[in-house]
Amino acid sequence: MMAAEPLREIEERLERAKQEYKLAVQRHEFLAQADLWEEIQQLKKQRDQLRLRQIS
């Protein structure tokens, strides 16, 4: 399945962004938290869209 590769890539990016977000919270880096939160939301949206494409 060709869609599996982009999905895996997005999931890996999402996991890295979540880890970076946790570090930003620990360091009280509020601007970084906001940027990472937006990135996480975008990646989740992309992941969900790819999953829907795989189903249909």
Protein backbone atom coordinates (compact mmCIF):
# COMPACT_ATOMS: atom_id res chain seq x y z
CA MET A 1 0.00 0.00 0.00
CA MET A 2 1.56 3.29 -1.06
CA ALA A 3 -0.33 5.39 1.50
CA ALA A 4 1.27 3.48 4.38
CA GLU A 5 4.62 5.22 3.96
CA PRO A 6 3.30 8.81 4.21
CA LEU A 7 1.08 7.74 7.11
CA ARG A 8 4.07 6.28 8.97
CA GLU A 9 6.06 9.45 8.30
CA ILE A 10 3.28 11.66 9.66
CA GLU A 11 2.89 9.45 12.73
CA GLU A 12 6.65 9.70 13.39
CA ARG A 13 6.57 13.49 12.99
CA LEU A 14 3.55 13.62 15.31
CA GLU A 15 5.34 11.59 17.97
CA ARG A 16 8.43 13.84 17.75
CA ALA A 17 6.25 16.95 18.02
CA LYS A 18 4.52 15.52 21.11
CA GLN A 19 7.91 14.85 22.73
CA GLU A 20 9.13 18.35 21.88
CA TYR A 21 5.89 19.78 23.30
CA LYS A 22 6.46 17.94 26.60
CA LEU A 23 9.97 19.37 26.80
CA ALA A 24 8.69 22.87 26.02
CA VAL A 25 6.16 22.54 28.85
CA GLN A 26 8.88 21.46 31.27
CA ARG A 27 11.04 24.41 30.22
CA HIS A 28 8.12 26.88 30.35
CA GLU A 29 8.71 27.81 26.70
CA PHE A 30 5.27 29.18 25.99
CA LEU A 31 5.85 30.32 22.40
CA ALA A 32 7.34 26.95 21.51
CA GLN A 33 4.37 25.24 23.15
CA ALA A 34 1.94 27.25 21.02
CA ASP A 35 3.85 26.49 17.81
CA LEU A 36 4.14 22.80 18.63
CA TRP A 37 0.46 22.60 19.59
CA GLU A 38 -0.46 23.97 16.16
CA GLU A 39 1.91 21.52 14.48
CA ILE A 40 0.42 18.62 16.44
CA GLN A 41 -3.11 19.61 15.42
CA GLN A 42 -2.09 19.88 11.75
CA LEU A 43 -0.32 16.51 11.82
CA LYS A 44 -3.34 14.86 13.45
CA LYS A 45 -5.54 16.30 10.73
CA GLN A 46 -3.20 15.03 7.99
CA ARG A 47 -3.01 11.61 9.65
CA ASP A 48 -6.79 11.36 9.85
CA GLN A 49 -7.18 12.38 6.20
CA LEU A 50 -4.67 9.73 5.11
CA ARG A 51 -6.41 7.09 7.19
CA LEU A 52 -9.73 7.97 5.58
CA ARG A 53 -8.17 7.70 2.11
CA GLN A 54 -6.84 4.23 2.98
CA ILE A 55 -10.31 3.09 4.05
CA SER A 56 -12.08 4.36 0.94
